[in-house]
N, C-alpha and C. Protein backbone atom coordinates (compact mmCIF):
# COMPACT_ATOMS: atom_id res chain seq x y z
N MET A 1 0.75 -1.43 -0.19
CA MET A 1 -0.08 -0.04 0.22
C MET A 1 1.05 1.10 0.10
N ALA A 2 0.34 2.34 -0.43
CA ALA A 2 0.95 3.53 -0.78
C ALA A 2 1.35 4.52 0.63
N VAL A 3 2.27 5.13 0.41
CA VAL A 3 2.40 6.08 1.76
C VAL A 3 2.54 7.05 1.53
N TYR A 4 1.97 8.19 1.94
CA TYR A 4 2.39 9.50 2.03
C TYR A 4 3.23 10.47 2.86
N ARG A 5 3.86 10.83 2.70
CA ARG A 5 4.76 12.05 3.53
C ARG A 5 4.57 13.41 3.24
N PHE A 6 4.22 13.37 4.52
CA PHE A 6 4.06 15.25 4.86
C PHE A 6 4.92 16.21 5.45
N LYS A 7 5.32 17.38 5.22
CA LYS A 7 5.87 18.15 5.98
C LYS A 7 5.27 18.94 6.72
N ILE A 8 5.01 18.91 7.71
CA ILE A 8 4.45 19.80 8.53
C ILE A 8 5.04 21.05 9.38
N SER A 9 4.35 22.20 9.21
CA SER A 9 5.52 23.25 9.97
C SER A 9 4.26 24.30 10.42
N PHE A 10 4.79 24.99 11.73
CA PHE A 10 4.04 25.94 12.13
C PHE A 10 4.39 27.15 11.37
N GLU A 11 2.63 28.02 10.92
CA GLU A 11 2.56 29.09 10.25
C GLU A 11 4.07 30.26 10.97
N ASP A 12 3.68 30.42 12.28
CA ASP A 12 4.62 31.43 13.02
C ASP A 12 5.99 31.13 13.43
N TYR A 13 6.34 29.74 13.30
CA TYR A 13 7.67 29.06 13.80
C TYR A 13 7.92 27.96 13.17
N ASP A 14 8.45 28.54 11.86
CA ASP A 14 8.71 27.83 10.57
C ASP A 14 9.97 26.79 10.58
N GLU A 15 10.50 27.39 11.92
CA GLU A 15 12.13 26.28 12.01
C GLU A 15 11.31 24.95 12.86
N VAL A 16 10.25 25.09 12.68
CA VAL A 16 9.93 23.94 13.92
C VAL A 16 9.12 22.78 12.86
N ILE A 17 9.66 22.03 12.24
CA ILE A 17 9.24 21.11 11.19
C ILE A 17 8.92 19.44 11.83
N ARG A 18 7.81 18.92 11.39
CA ARG A 18 7.76 17.54 11.42
C ARG A 18 7.17 16.70 9.96
N GLU A 19 8.08 15.64 9.52
CA GLU A 19 7.74 14.87 8.33
C GLU A 19 7.15 13.29 8.93
N ILE A 20 5.94 13.31 8.25
CA ILE A 20 5.22 12.32 8.94
C ILE A 20 4.65 11.48 7.87
N ASP A 21 4.71 9.98 7.89
CA ASP A 21 4.59 9.03 6.93
C ASP A 21 3.26 8.30 7.32
N ILE A 22 2.42 8.37 6.53
CA ILE A 22 1.13 7.85 6.58
C ILE A 22 0.14 7.15 5.39
N LYS A 23 -0.12 6.01 5.87
CA LYS A 23 -0.68 5.27 4.64
C LYS A 23 -1.65 6.15 3.89
N THR A 24 -2.09 6.07 2.61
CA THR A 24 -2.87 6.75 1.77
C THR A 24 -4.25 6.38 2.36
N THR A 25 -4.77 5.20 2.92
CA THR A 25 -6.09 4.93 3.27
C THR A 25 -6.56 5.44 4.67
N GLN A 26 -5.23 5.99 5.44
CA GLN A 26 -5.52 6.31 6.75
C GLN A 26 -6.41 7.74 6.75
N THR A 27 -6.76 8.27 8.22
CA THR A 27 -7.69 9.03 7.72
C THR A 27 -6.83 10.24 8.82
N PHE A 28 -7.79 11.64 8.43
CA PHE A 28 -6.99 12.73 8.78
C PHE A 28 -7.09 13.09 10.64
N GLU A 29 -7.68 12.40 11.19
CA GLU A 29 -7.72 12.00 12.52
C GLU A 29 -6.43 11.43 12.65
N ASP A 30 -6.10 10.43 12.09
CA ASP A 30 -4.86 9.92 12.42
C ASP A 30 -3.65 10.70 12.22
N LEU A 31 -3.63 11.48 11.09
CA LEU A 31 -2.63 12.16 11.09
C LEU A 31 -2.54 13.54 12.24
N HIS A 32 -3.79 13.87 12.56
CA HIS A 32 -3.92 15.02 13.59
C HIS A 32 -3.19 14.57 14.76
N LYS A 33 -3.85 12.93 15.26
CA LYS A 33 -2.95 12.31 16.43
C LYS A 33 -1.77 12.16 16.26
N ALA A 34 -0.97 11.87 15.24
CA ALA A 34 0.49 11.75 15.25
C ALA A 34 1.23 12.86 15.18
N LEU A 35 0.47 14.03 14.65
CA LEU A 35 1.46 15.00 14.78
C LEU A 35 1.69 15.53 16.28
N HIS A 36 0.64 15.59 17.11
CA HIS A 36 0.58 16.36 18.68
C HIS A 36 1.12 14.77 19.39
N ILE A 37 1.40 13.82 19.20
CA ILE A 37 1.87 13.05 19.82
C ILE A 37 3.57 13.56 19.66
N SER A 38 3.98 14.26 18.66
CA SER A 38 5.45 14.59 17.96
C SER A 38 5.61 16.21 18.95
N THR A 39 4.35 17.10 19.11
CA THR A 39 4.49 18.09 19.78
C THR A 39 4.12 18.07 21.07
N GLY A 40 3.81 16.81 22.05
CA GLY A 40 3.57 16.72 22.90
C GLY A 40 2.23 17.60 23.63
N TYR A 41 1.19 17.96 22.69
CA TYR A 41 -0.07 18.81 23.09
C TYR A 41 -1.30 17.98 22.85
N ASN A 42 -2.06 18.28 23.81
CA ASN A 42 -3.24 17.45 23.87
C ASN A 42 -3.63 17.21 22.61
N VAL A 43 -4.22 16.15 22.01
CA VAL A 43 -4.89 15.91 20.68
C VAL A 43 -6.48 16.16 20.75
N GLU A 44 -6.99 16.12 22.14
CA GLU A 44 -8.42 16.19 22.19
C GLU A 44 -8.85 17.61 22.26
N LYS A 45 -8.39 18.29 21.27
CA LYS A 45 -8.89 19.75 21.06
C LYS A 45 -9.47 20.00 19.98
N SER A 46 -10.43 20.91 19.77
CA SER A 46 -10.94 20.93 18.31
C SER A 46 -10.20 21.65 17.20
N SER A 47 -10.06 21.02 16.33
CA SER A 47 -8.86 21.36 15.17
C SER A 47 -9.93 20.77 13.86
N SER A 48 -9.03 21.83 12.80
CA SER A 48 -9.55 21.30 11.27
C SER A 48 -8.30 21.43 10.40
N PHE A 49 -8.72 20.53 9.40
CA PHE A 49 -7.55 20.54 8.38
C PHE A 49 -8.41 21.12 7.03
N TYR A 50 -7.82 22.20 6.18
CA TYR A 50 -8.48 22.83 4.88
C TYR A 50 -7.79 22.47 3.49
N VAL A 51 -8.78 22.05 2.85
CA VAL A 51 -7.75 21.78 1.49
C VAL A 51 -7.38 22.88 0.91
N SER A 52 -6.01 23.09 0.46
CA SER A 52 -5.54 24.48 0.52
C SER A 52 -4.87 24.59 -1.00
N THR A 53 -4.85 25.82 -1.58
CA THR A 53 -4.17 26.17 -2.73
C THR A 53 -2.91 26.21 -2.49
N ASP A 54 -1.99 26.91 -2.99
CA ASP A 54 -0.69 26.73 -3.36
C ASP A 54 -0.38 27.94 -2.23
N ASN A 55 -1.17 28.92 -2.25
CA ASN A 55 -1.19 30.34 -1.66
C ASN A 55 -1.45 30.52 0.08
N TRP A 56 -1.80 28.76 0.03
CA TRP A 56 -2.61 28.60 1.54
C TRP A 56 -3.62 29.43 1.66
N LEU A 57 -4.54 29.37 0.83
CA LEU A 57 -5.91 29.82 0.93
C LEU A 57 -6.92 28.76 1.44
N LYS A 58 -7.43 28.94 2.30
CA LYS A 58 -8.52 27.60 2.68
C LYS A 58 -9.47 27.66 1.88
N GLY A 59 -10.07 26.14 1.81
CA GLY A 59 -11.28 25.61 1.13
C GLY A 59 -11.92 24.53 1.99
N ASP A 60 -12.22 23.70 1.16
CA ASP A 60 -13.17 22.69 2.40
C ASP A 60 -12.71 22.30 3.54
N GLU A 61 -13.16 22.15 4.89
CA GLU A 61 -13.08 22.06 5.75
C GLU A 61 -12.99 20.40 6.20
N ILE A 62 -12.23 19.88 7.21
CA ILE A 62 -12.05 18.93 7.59
C ILE A 62 -12.16 18.86 9.21
N ALA A 63 -13.30 18.54 9.79
CA ALA A 63 -12.51 18.68 11.14
C ALA A 63 -13.11 17.93 12.11
N TYR A 64 -12.40 18.20 13.35
CA TYR A 64 -12.02 17.40 14.63
C TYR A 64 -12.57 17.96 15.90
N LEU A 65 -13.89 17.30 16.44
CA LEU A 65 -14.60 17.74 17.34
C LEU A 65 -15.17 18.93 17.41
N PRO A 66 -16.00 19.04 16.03
CA PRO A 66 -16.71 20.20 15.55
C PRO A 66 -17.65 20.63 16.30
N ASN A 67 -17.86 22.28 16.42
CA ASN A 67 -18.82 22.63 17.13
C ASN A 67 -20.48 22.57 16.70
N GLU A 68 -21.41 22.65 17.23
CA GLU A 68 -22.79 22.48 16.67
C GLU A 68 -23.07 22.85 15.19
N ARG A 69 -22.80 23.99 15.12
CA ARG A 69 -22.93 24.91 13.92
C ARG A 69 -22.28 24.12 12.69
N LYS A 70 -20.77 23.74 12.98
CA LYS A 70 -20.45 23.17 11.97
C LYS A 70 -21.13 21.71 11.43
N ILE A 71 -21.48 20.93 12.43
CA ILE A 71 -22.18 19.58 12.42
C ILE A 71 -23.39 19.87 11.52
N GLN A 72 -24.43 20.92 12.04
CA GLN A 72 -25.11 21.37 11.09
C GLN A 72 -25.02 21.50 9.86
N ARG A 73 -23.86 22.20 9.45
CA ARG A 73 -23.68 22.58 8.13
C ARG A 73 -23.30 21.29 7.16
N GLY A 74 -22.69 20.31 7.85
CA GLY A 74 -22.42 18.98 7.30
C GLY A 74 -21.03 19.07 7.06
N VAL A 75 -20.21 19.24 8.03
CA VAL A 75 -18.82 19.42 7.67
C VAL A 75 -18.22 18.30 7.45
N ALA A 76 -17.15 17.71 6.87
CA ALA A 76 -16.91 16.63 6.88
C ALA A 76 -15.88 16.64 8.33
N LEU A 77 -15.70 14.81 8.71
CA LEU A 77 -14.97 14.61 9.97
C LEU A 77 -14.12 13.93 9.90
N MET A 78 -12.81 14.13 10.73
CA MET A 78 -11.52 13.44 10.15
C MET A 78 -11.84 12.24 10.46
N GLU A 79 -12.69 11.52 11.77
CA GLU A 79 -12.50 10.24 11.86
C GLU A 79 -13.27 9.58 10.44
N LYS A 80 -13.54 10.64 9.50
CA LYS A 80 -14.53 9.51 8.59
C LYS A 80 -13.91 10.00 7.20
N SER A 81 -12.47 10.73 7.21
CA SER A 81 -12.45 10.95 6.03
C SER A 81 -10.83 10.70 5.89
N ARG A 82 -11.00 9.71 4.80
CA ARG A 82 -9.63 9.04 4.06
C ARG A 82 -8.55 10.13 3.71
N ILE A 83 -7.38 10.26 3.92
CA ILE A 83 -6.65 11.10 3.02
C ILE A 83 -6.40 11.22 1.57
N CYS A 84 -6.61 9.99 1.06
CA CYS A 84 -6.63 9.72 -0.50
C CYS A 84 -7.71 10.60 -0.95
N ASP A 85 -8.89 10.49 -0.44
CA ASP A 85 -10.16 11.27 -0.94
C ASP A 85 -10.13 12.56 -1.24
N PHE A 86 -8.74 13.37 -0.25
CA PHE A 86 -8.87 14.68 -0.82
C PHE A 86 -7.57 15.35 -1.50
N ILE A 87 -6.54 14.53 -1.94
CA ILE A 87 -5.32 14.37 -2.81
C ILE A 87 -5.67 14.67 -4.34
N GLU A 88 -5.52 16.13 -4.77
CA GLU A 88 -5.90 16.03 -5.97
C GLU A 88 -4.52 16.97 -6.81
N ASP A 89 -3.48 16.50 -6.09
CA ASP A 89 -2.15 17.20 -6.90
C ASP A 89 -1.03 16.33 -5.84
N PRO A 90 0.35 15.82 -6.56
CA PRO A 90 1.10 15.71 -6.10
C PRO A 90 1.94 16.24 -5.28
N HIS A 91 1.60 17.64 -5.27
CA HIS A 91 1.88 18.23 -4.20
C HIS A 91 1.08 18.89 -3.13
N GLN A 92 0.31 18.14 -2.67
CA GLN A 92 -1.35 18.71 -2.14
C GLN A 92 -0.92 19.55 -0.95
N LYS A 93 -1.84 20.66 -0.36
CA LYS A 93 -1.37 21.15 0.66
C LYS A 93 -2.66 21.18 1.16
N PHE A 94 -2.60 21.68 2.74
CA PHE A 94 -3.81 21.37 4.08
C PHE A 94 -3.24 22.69 4.52
N TYR A 95 -4.42 23.60 4.95
CA TYR A 95 -3.97 24.56 6.14
C TYR A 95 -4.59 23.75 7.36
N TYR A 96 -4.02 23.75 8.14
CA TYR A 96 -4.47 23.04 9.59
C TYR A 96 -4.54 24.30 10.63
N ILE A 97 -5.46 24.09 11.63
CA ILE A 97 -5.73 24.83 12.86
C ILE A 97 -5.70 24.12 14.01
N TYR A 98 -4.91 23.92 14.73
CA TYR A 98 -5.09 23.27 15.97
C TYR A 98 -5.72 24.03 17.24
N ASN A 99 -6.60 23.60 18.13
CA ASN A 99 -7.03 24.20 18.95
C ASN A 99 -8.10 25.58 18.61
N PHE A 100 -8.89 25.86 18.44
CA PHE A 100 -9.43 27.00 18.16
C PHE A 100 -9.59 27.83 19.15
N GLU A 101 -9.55 27.44 20.48
CA GLU A 101 -9.55 27.89 21.78
C GLU A 101 -8.48 28.58 21.98
N ARG A 102 -7.35 28.18 21.58
CA ARG A 102 -5.90 28.68 21.67
C ARG A 102 -4.70 27.79 20.57
N GLN A 103 -5.31 28.72 19.59
CA GLN A 103 -4.61 28.42 18.16
C GLN A 103 -3.41 28.30 17.74
N PHE A 104 -2.80 27.11 17.08
CA PHE A 104 -2.07 27.23 16.32
C PHE A 104 -2.35 27.14 15.14
N ASP A 105 -1.57 27.37 13.90
CA ASP A 105 -2.03 27.18 12.61
C ASP A 105 -0.55 26.64 11.94
N PHE A 106 -0.82 25.61 11.20
CA PHE A 106 0.26 24.96 10.40
C PHE A 106 -0.34 24.80 9.08
N HIS A 107 1.24 24.47 8.55
CA HIS A 107 1.15 24.46 6.93
C HIS A 107 1.39 23.24 6.45
N VAL A 108 0.48 22.40 6.00
CA VAL A 108 0.78 21.22 5.73
C VAL A 108 1.20 20.54 4.33
N GLU A 109 2.16 19.99 3.56
CA GLU A 109 2.35 19.48 2.33
C GLU A 109 2.98 18.41 2.20
N LEU A 110 2.02 17.98 0.91
CA LEU A 110 2.54 16.39 0.81
C LEU A 110 3.80 16.61 -0.39
N ILE A 111 5.02 15.86 0.56
CA ILE A 111 6.35 16.13 -0.84
C ILE A 111 6.85 14.89 -1.48
N LYS A 112 6.39 13.70 -0.82
CA LYS A 112 6.77 12.57 -1.43
C LYS A 112 5.64 11.77 -1.34
N ILE A 113 5.46 10.66 -2.18
CA ILE A 113 4.26 9.56 -2.20
C ILE A 113 5.32 8.12 -2.31
N ILE A 114 5.37 7.22 -1.60
CA ILE A 114 5.97 6.50 -1.37
C ILE A 114 5.27 4.91 -2.17
N LEU A 115 5.58 4.50 -2.84
CA LEU A 115 4.75 3.51 -3.42
C LEU A 115 4.28 2.25 -2.67
N GLU A 116 5.24 1.64 -1.57
CA GLU A 116 5.14 0.64 -0.73
C GLU A 116 5.74 0.80 0.62
N ASP A 117 4.31 0.77 1.25
CA ASP A 117 4.57 0.59 3.12
C ASP A 117 5.79 -0.12 3.45
N ASP A 118 6.18 -0.04 4.46
CA ASP A 118 7.19 -0.81 5.18
C ASP A 118 6.67 -1.66 6.14
N ALA A 119 6.26 -2.97 5.97
CA ALA A 119 5.90 -4.04 6.51
C ALA A 119 6.14 -4.08 8.19
N LYS A 120 7.49 -3.55 8.52
CA LYS A 120 7.81 -3.31 9.99
C LYS A 120 7.45 -2.25 10.56
N THR A 121 7.02 -0.82 10.11
CA THR A 121 6.59 0.27 10.50
C THR A 121 5.26 0.08 10.86
N LYS A 122 4.91 1.08 11.81
CA LYS A 122 3.53 1.10 12.22
C LYS A 122 3.18 2.80 12.11
N TYR A 123 2.44 2.83 11.19
CA TYR A 123 1.42 3.92 10.47
C TYR A 123 0.56 4.70 11.58
N PRO A 124 0.58 5.83 11.25
CA PRO A 124 1.69 6.57 11.11
C PRO A 124 2.78 7.11 11.82
N THR A 125 3.92 7.43 11.33
CA THR A 125 5.18 7.45 11.88
C THR A 125 5.56 8.43 11.67
N VAL A 126 6.40 9.58 12.99
CA VAL A 126 7.38 10.46 12.57
C VAL A 126 8.42 10.01 11.64
N PHE A 127 9.15 10.81 10.42
CA PHE A 127 9.98 10.10 9.55
C PHE A 127 11.16 11.32 10.35
N LYS A 128 10.89 12.49 10.26
CA LYS A 128 11.84 13.69 10.62
C LYS A 128 11.36 14.71 12.19
N SER A 129 11.97 14.89 12.88
CA SER A 129 11.67 16.13 13.89
C SER A 129 12.39 16.94 13.90
N ILE A 130 12.21 18.19 13.72
CA ILE A 130 13.09 19.55 13.87
C ILE A 130 12.71 20.17 14.67
N GLY A 131 13.29 20.66 15.71
CA GLY A 131 12.99 21.90 16.60
C GLY A 131 11.85 21.17 17.55
N GLU A 132 11.63 22.07 18.71
CA GLU A 132 11.14 21.99 19.94
C GLU A 132 9.97 22.62 19.53
N ALA A 133 8.66 22.39 19.65
CA ALA A 133 7.34 22.56 19.57
C ALA A 133 7.04 23.84 20.73
N PRO A 134 6.45 25.19 20.33
CA PRO A 134 6.45 26.05 21.37
C PRO A 134 5.52 25.45 22.50
N LYS A 135 5.57 26.37 24.19
CA LYS A 135 4.97 25.60 24.97
C LYS A 135 3.73 25.93 24.81
N ILE A 136 2.64 25.56 25.26
CA ILE A 136 1.21 26.04 25.34
C ILE A 136 1.05 26.32 27.11
N TYR A 137 0.67 27.57 27.84
CA TYR A 137 0.68 27.74 28.98
C TYR A 137 -0.97 28.06 29.25
N ASP A 138 -1.18 27.17 30.14
CA ASP A 138 -2.49 26.89 30.85
C ASP A 138 -3.20 27.91 31.77
N ARG A 139 -3.85 28.49 31.56
CA ARG A 139 -4.15 29.92 32.10
C ARG A 139 -5.27 29.26 33.53
N THR A 140 -5.29 27.90 33.53
CA THR A 140 -5.52 27.40 35.30
C THR A 140 -4.37 27.29 36.06
N ASN A 141 -3.26 27.44 35.52
CA ASN A 141 -1.99 27.39 36.35
C ASN A 141 -1.63 28.97 36.95
N ILE A 142 -2.11 29.64 36.38
CA ILE A 142 -1.73 31.08 36.60
C ILE A 142 -2.10 31.25 37.89
N ILE A 143 -1.32 31.96 39.13
CA ILE A 143 -1.69 32.16 40.29
C ILE A 143 -2.29 33.60 40.29
N PRO A 144 -3.12 33.95 41.35
CA PRO A 144 -3.83 35.05 41.41
C PRO A 144 -2.95 35.99 42.09
N VAL A 145 -2.83 37.34 41.83
CA VAL A 145 -2.09 38.36 42.51
C VAL A 145 -3.04 39.33 43.39
N ASP A 146 -2.83 39.61 44.91
CA ASP A 146 -3.70 40.65 45.68
C ASP A 146 -3.46 41.79 44.90
N GLU A 147 -4.56 42.30 45.00
CA GLU A 147 -4.55 43.98 44.26
C GLU A 147 -3.61 44.47 45.17
N GLU A 148 -3.76 44.67 46.53
CA GLU A 148 -3.41 45.41 47.34
C GLU A 148 -1.62 45.18 47.05
N GLU A 149 -1.15 44.01 46.97
CA GLU A 149 0.17 43.76 46.46
C GLU A 149 0.67 44.08 45.13
N VAL A 150 -0.55 44.50 43.90
CA VAL A 150 0.07 44.75 42.89
C VAL A 150 0.10 46.19 42.96
N SER A 151 -0.98 46.88 43.77
CA SER A 151 -0.57 48.70 43.82
C SER A 151 0.74 48.94 44.59
N THR A 152 1.24 48.56 45.60
CA THR A 152 2.40 48.47 46.11
C THR A 152 3.76 48.56 45.38
N ILE A 153 3.68 47.15 44.74
CA ILE A 153 4.47 46.86 43.28
C ILE A 153 4.42 48.45 42.32
N ASN A 154 3.38 48.64 42.06
CA ASN A 154 3.09 49.65 41.06
C ASN A 154 3.73 50.95 41.54
N GLU A 155 3.75 51.21 42.93
CA GLU A 155 4.28 52.38 43.41
C GLU A 155 5.72 52.41 43.19
N PHE A 156 6.33 51.19 43.85
CA PHE A 156 7.58 50.91 44.07
C PHE A 156 8.15 51.13 42.57
N ASP A 157 7.84 50.53 41.42
CA ASP A 157 8.07 50.70 39.99
C ASP A 157 8.09 52.22 39.84
N PHE A 158 7.19 53.31 39.95
CA PHE A 158 7.02 54.80 40.06
C PHE A 158 8.59 55.25 40.50
N LEU A 159 8.47 55.06 41.70
CA LEU A 159 10.00 55.57 42.24
C LEU A 159 11.24 54.75 41.39
N ASN A 160 11.43 53.70 41.15
CA ASN A 160 12.46 53.16 40.61
C ASN A 160 12.68 54.00 39.32
N GLU A 161 11.48 54.03 38.32
CA GLU A 161 11.71 55.09 36.77
C GLU A 161 12.26 56.56 37.45
N LEU A 162 12.12 57.03 38.78
CA LEU A 162 12.77 58.24 39.06
C LEU A 162 13.80 58.19 39.57
N ASN A 163 14.52 56.89 39.49
CA ASN A 163 15.72 56.70 39.85
C ASN A 163 15.93 56.96 41.59
N PHE A 164 14.87 56.74 42.45
CA PHE A 164 14.52 57.49 43.72
C PHE A 164 15.54 56.38 44.70
N VAL A 165 16.39 56.84 45.52
CA VAL A 165 17.18 56.35 46.52
C VAL A 165 16.76 57.01 48.04
N PRO A 166 16.24 56.31 48.72
CA PRO A 166 15.72 56.74 50.00
C PRO A 166 16.89 57.54 50.71
N GLU A 167 18.19 56.69 50.54
CA GLU A 167 19.32 57.58 51.16
C GLU A 167 19.83 58.63 51.14
N ASP A 168 19.54 59.06 49.54
CA ASP A 168 19.62 60.63 48.80
C ASP A 168 18.72 61.34 49.87
N VAL A 169 18.03 61.30 50.48
CA VAL A 169 16.86 61.92 50.83
C VAL A 169 17.59 62.88 51.98
N ASP A 170 17.65 64.40 52.09
CA ASP A 170 18.07 65.33 53.03
C ASP A 170 16.91 65.59 54.11
N LEU A 171 16.83 64.80 55.23
CA LEU A 171 15.56 64.93 56.09
C LEU A 171 15.59 66.09 56.55
N GLU A 172 16.86 66.83 57.17
CA GLU A 172 17.21 68.31 57.72
C GLU A 172 16.49 69.07 56.80
N ALA A 173 16.90 69.19 55.44
CA ALA A 173 16.73 70.22 54.63
C ALA A 173 14.79 70.13 54.44
N LEU A 174 14.15 69.10 54.56
CA LEU A 174 13.08 68.88 54.58
C LEU A 174 12.43 69.45 55.80
N GLU A 175 13.14 69.42 56.70
CA GLU A 175 12.55 70.02 58.00
C GLU A 175 12.62 71.35 57.83
N ASN A 176 13.77 72.19 57.40
CA ASN A 176 13.55 73.36 57.51
C ASN A 176 12.98 74.27 56.21
N SER A 177 12.79 73.33 55.37
CA SER A 177 11.66 74.04 54.27
C SER A 177 10.23 74.24 54.45
N GLY A 178 10.12 73.22 55.85
CA GLY A 178 8.69 73.36 56.20
C GLY A 178 7.77 72.23 55.65
N ILE A 179 8.32 71.40 54.63
CA ILE A 179 7.65 70.29 54.21
C ILE A 179 7.20 69.37 55.65
N ASN A 180 8.10 68.96 56.24
CA ASN A 180 7.60 68.12 57.55
C ASN A 180 7.22 69.02 59.01
N SER A 181 6.85 70.09 58.47
CA SER A 181 6.63 71.23 59.70
C SER A 181 5.58 71.13 60.27
N LYS A 182 4.86 70.72 61.50
CA LYS A 182 3.99 70.51 62.33
C LYS A 182 2.93 71.71 62.46
N SER A 183 3.50 72.90 61.83
CA SER A 183 2.65 74.08 62.15
C SER A 183 1.25 73.76 61.68
N SER A 184 0.49 74.42 62.25
CA SER A 184 -1.16 74.59 62.19
C SER A 184 -1.55 75.28 60.77
N PRO A 185 -2.39 75.40 60.03
CA PRO A 185 -3.30 76.42 59.08
C PRO A 185 -3.12 77.74 59.81
N GLN A 186 -3.81 77.81 60.95
CA GLN A 186 -3.63 79.11 61.69
C GLN A 186 -2.54 79.78 61.87
N ASP A 187 -1.15 79.22 62.10
CA ASP A 187 -0.44 79.75 62.37
C ASP A 187 0.29 79.99 60.90
N ASP A 188 0.03 79.39 59.72
CA ASP A 188 0.69 80.18 58.38
C ASP A 188 -0.03 81.53 58.06
N GLU A 189 -1.74 81.29 58.76
CA GLU A 189 -2.22 82.43 58.33
C GLU A 189 -1.95 83.61 58.92
N GLU A 190 -1.32 83.78 60.06
CA GLU A 190 -1.03 84.56 60.69
C GLU A 190 0.84 84.80 60.30
N ASP A 191 1.43 84.17 59.63
CA ASP A 191 2.75 84.60 59.14
C ASP A 191 2.32 85.22 57.76
N GLU A 192 1.08 85.05 57.51
CA GLU A 192 0.80 85.52 55.90
C GLU A 192 0.66 87.24 56.33
N TYR A 193 -0.23 87.30 57.25
CA TYR A 193 -0.53 88.67 57.32
C TYR A 193 0.76 89.76 58.06
N GLY A 194 1.22 88.74 58.79
CA GLY A 194 2.73 89.41 59.66
C GLY A 194 2.16 90.01 61.18
N ASP A 195 2.95 89.32 62.02
CA ASP A 195 2.44 89.80 63.26
C ASP A 195 2.62 91.43 63.66
N GLU A 196 4.28 91.85 62.70
CA GLU A 196 4.73 93.03 62.96
C GLU A 196 3.60 94.41 62.74
N ASP A 197 2.92 93.99 61.84
CA ASP A 197 1.83 95.04 61.05
C ASP A 197 0.55 95.26 62.02
N MET A 198 0.23 93.99 62.73
CA MET A 198 -0.63 94.20 63.59
C MET A 198 -0.32 95.06 64.71
N ASP A 199 0.96 94.92 65.25
CA ASP A 199 1.15 95.63 66.24
C ASP A 199 1.57 97.15 66.04
N SER A 200 2.27 97.58 65.02
CA SER A 200 2.18 98.97 64.65
C SER A 200 0.65 99.36 64.36
N GLU A 201 -0.27 98.94 64.14
CA GLU A 201 -1.52 99.54 63.98
C GLU A 201 -1.92 99.88 65.80
N PHE A 202 -1.79 98.76 66.53
CA PHE A 202 -2.47 98.96 67.57
C PHE A 202 -1.59 100.15 68.44
N ASP A 203 -0.23 100.36 67.93
CA ASP A 203 0.90 101.71 68.26
C ASP A 203 0.53 102.73 68.29
N GLU A 204 -0.22 102.98 66.66
CA GLU A 204 -0.29 104.19 66.27
C GLU A 204 -1.42 104.86 67.04
N ASP A 205 -2.83 103.57 67.45
CA ASP A 205 -3.85 104.14 67.95
C ASP A 205 -3.67 104.68 69.54
N GLU A 206 -2.69 104.29 69.87
CA GLU A 206 -1.95 104.53 71.10
C GLU A 206 -1.59 106.02 71.20
N GLU A 207 -0.85 106.27 69.87
CA GLU A 207 -0.05 107.10 70.25
C GLU A 207 -1.04 108.70 70.16
N TYR A 208 -1.87 108.57 68.70
CA TYR A 208 -3.08 109.57 68.99
C TYR A 208 -4.19 109.40 69.81
N GLY A 209 -4.63 108.24 70.36
CA GLY A 209 -5.64 108.25 71.13
C GLY A 209 -6.27 109.30 72.12
N SER A 210 -5.35 109.88 72.74
CA SER A 210 -5.58 110.68 74.01
C SER A 210 -5.86 111.98 73.57
N SER A 211 -4.77 112.31 72.54
CA SER A 211 -5.28 113.85 71.80
C SER A 211 -6.72 113.80 71.50
N LYS A 212 -6.89 113.23 70.65
CA LYS A 212 -8.51 113.02 70.19
C LYS A 212 -9.48 113.07 71.22
N ASP A 213 -9.35 112.30 72.46
CA ASP A 213 -10.58 112.50 73.33
C ASP A 213 -10.22 113.91 73.98
N GLU A 214 -9.11 114.39 73.80
CA GLU A 214 -8.86 115.86 74.58
C GLU A 214 -9.71 116.86 73.62
N ASP A 215 -9.54 116.63 72.07
CA ASP A 215 -10.22 117.65 71.55
C ASP A 215 -11.80 117.67 71.58
N TYR A 216 -12.31 116.35 72.10
CA TYR A 216 -13.62 116.39 71.84
C TYR A 216 -14.21 116.36 73.35
């Protein structure tokens, strides 16, 4: 039985490549699972292959764990779709999306047709593996941070941006400048108007007061 060899690469990480040999009569589900055994990703995620043009434009969809809308539309299912039924070109291409919730996109290209399978090989099999697949971070493993702690951290970040060093602060200078003064608002008001002016006014009344009384 003939074997297809597919070159599969991440769209955004083209240095990560897998080449997978698979029998022509095997399904897209077989190819999907073989790929993610090699990447270490969870195979039980909603994903789809698309028959593609040479420019990676998506055509007919072949889905795994499709949503209800796709099912009602009659989308082809991976487990029921043999790969050979979708090969129209000796260099056939498929656009592949893994995990619609947190997706990675792949380019899948038929690069070789082997006329006879190896009786000792269990297909599908990874013929070549280049590069490590990027990690997928699970949101459930993220530790929540206390809001008060975040606020404190942000304050320190602001001071760091200003190159603030506590040891550089001259506390005595702050005291003399009045920044740390304990004077009350009333004291400030008295200073504003000046005690000396008030005293001079009362002195003037004392100086002329007796003469005015004598005149009347």
